[in-house]
Protein backbone atom coordinates (compact mmCIF):
# COMPACT_ATOMS: atom_id res chain seq x y z
CA MET A 1 -37.05 41.76 -37.86
CA HIS A 2 -38.62 44.94 -38.91
CA GLU A 3 -42.29 43.53 -38.80
CA ASP A 4 -43.25 45.16 -35.63
CA GLN A 5 -42.29 48.49 -37.13
CA ILE A 6 -45.17 47.90 -39.59
CA VAL A 7 -47.85 48.40 -36.96
CA ARG A 8 -46.09 51.65 -36.05
CA LEU A 9 -45.83 52.86 -39.73
CA ASN A 10 -49.68 52.10 -40.10
CA ARG A 11 -50.45 54.26 -36.97
CA ILE A 12 -48.20 56.92 -38.46
CA GLU A 13 -50.06 56.72 -41.72
CA GLY A 14 -53.44 57.17 -40.02
CA GLN A 15 -51.86 60.24 -38.22
CA ILE A 16 -50.91 61.78 -41.64
CA ARG A 17 -54.32 61.25 -42.98
CA GLY A 18 -55.69 62.91 -39.84
CA ILE A 19 -53.35 65.90 -40.44
CA LYS A 20 -54.36 66.19 -44.21
CA LYS A 21 -58.00 66.16 -42.96
CA MET A 22 -57.29 68.71 -40.46
CA ILE A 23 -55.76 71.00 -43.06
CA THR A 24 -58.40 70.38 -45.50
CA ASP A 25 -61.02 71.37 -42.72
CA GLU A 26 -58.98 74.38 -42.10
CA ARG A 27 -58.47 73.43 -38.32
CA TYR A 28 -56.59 75.70 -35.95
CA CYS A 29 -52.95 75.85 -36.92
CA VAL A 30 -51.38 75.15 -33.42
CA ASP A 31 -53.59 71.84 -33.57
CA ILE A 32 -52.13 70.90 -36.85
CA LEU A 33 -48.64 71.70 -35.56
CA THR A 34 -49.03 69.59 -32.56
CA GLN A 35 -50.33 66.46 -34.83
CA ILE A 36 -47.40 67.11 -37.03
CA ARG A 37 -44.96 66.99 -34.22
CA SER A 38 -46.49 63.91 -32.81
CA ALA A 39 -46.24 62.02 -36.26
CA SER A 40 -42.59 63.21 -36.47
CA SER A 41 -41.81 61.85 -33.18
CA ALA A 42 -43.41 58.67 -33.79
CA LEU A 43 -41.45 58.34 -37.08
CA ALA A 44 -38.12 59.07 -35.32
CA ARG A 45 -39.00 56.23 -32.86
CA VAL A 46 -39.45 53.80 -35.86
CA GLN A 47 -35.91 55.16 -37.15
CA ASP A 48 -34.36 54.52 -33.76
CA ASN A 49 -35.77 51.07 -33.41
CA ILE A 50 -34.47 50.09 -36.88
CA PHE A 51 -31.12 51.53 -36.13
CA ARG A 52 -30.92 49.66 -32.92
CA GLY A 53 -31.96 46.45 -34.55
CA HIS A 54 -29.18 46.93 -37.29
CA LEU A 55 -26.72 47.49 -34.48
CA GLU A 56 -27.90 44.38 -32.46
CA SER A 57 -27.91 42.08 -35.53
CA CYS A 58 -25.86 43.06 -38.61
CA VAL A 59 -23.14 45.14 -36.76
CA ARG A 60 -22.85 42.83 -33.75
CA ASP A 61 -22.49 39.73 -36.13
CA SER A 62 -19.86 41.47 -38.36
CA LEU A 63 -17.98 42.81 -35.33
CA SER A 64 -17.71 39.37 -33.80
CA GLY A 65 -16.57 37.74 -36.79
CA ASP A 66 -13.05 37.28 -38.09
CA ASP A 67 -13.26 39.32 -41.47
CA SER A 68 -11.30 42.41 -40.52
CA LEU A 69 -12.38 44.10 -43.81
CA ASP A 70 -16.14 43.38 -42.84
CA LYS A 71 -15.49 44.93 -39.73
CA GLU A 72 -14.16 48.10 -41.02
CA GLU A 73 -16.75 48.41 -43.63
CA LYS A 74 -19.42 48.14 -40.78
CA VAL A 75 -17.72 50.71 -38.61
CA ASN A 76 -17.44 53.08 -41.49
CA GLU A 77 -20.93 52.46 -42.26
CA ILE A 78 -22.33 53.40 -38.79
CA LEU A 79 -20.00 56.34 -38.78
CA ASP A 80 -21.54 57.61 -42.00
CA VAL A 81 -25.22 57.02 -40.59
CA LEU A 82 -24.37 58.84 -37.49
CA SER A 83 -23.04 61.85 -39.34
CA ARG A 84 -26.13 62.06 -41.65
CA PHE A 85 -28.39 62.24 -38.63
CA ARG A 86 -26.57 64.77 -36.63
């Protein structure tokens, strides 16, 4: 399910190496900050994709089942995740 995120993470890993090199080479601060923002945004997209996948698979399966305790646990889990990322 998350295999497609590996490609994105590999790209982000390359961005991070590039940022390290920019710092080592004492590049212009604004250019470094721009690259950091780009990597952060890319990582946020990976996070969103994984969260969406969780909702579309694990949570959907749980909510469509008959186990009310499992449903309650999934709802609480999602509420907890959302509160951590506010």
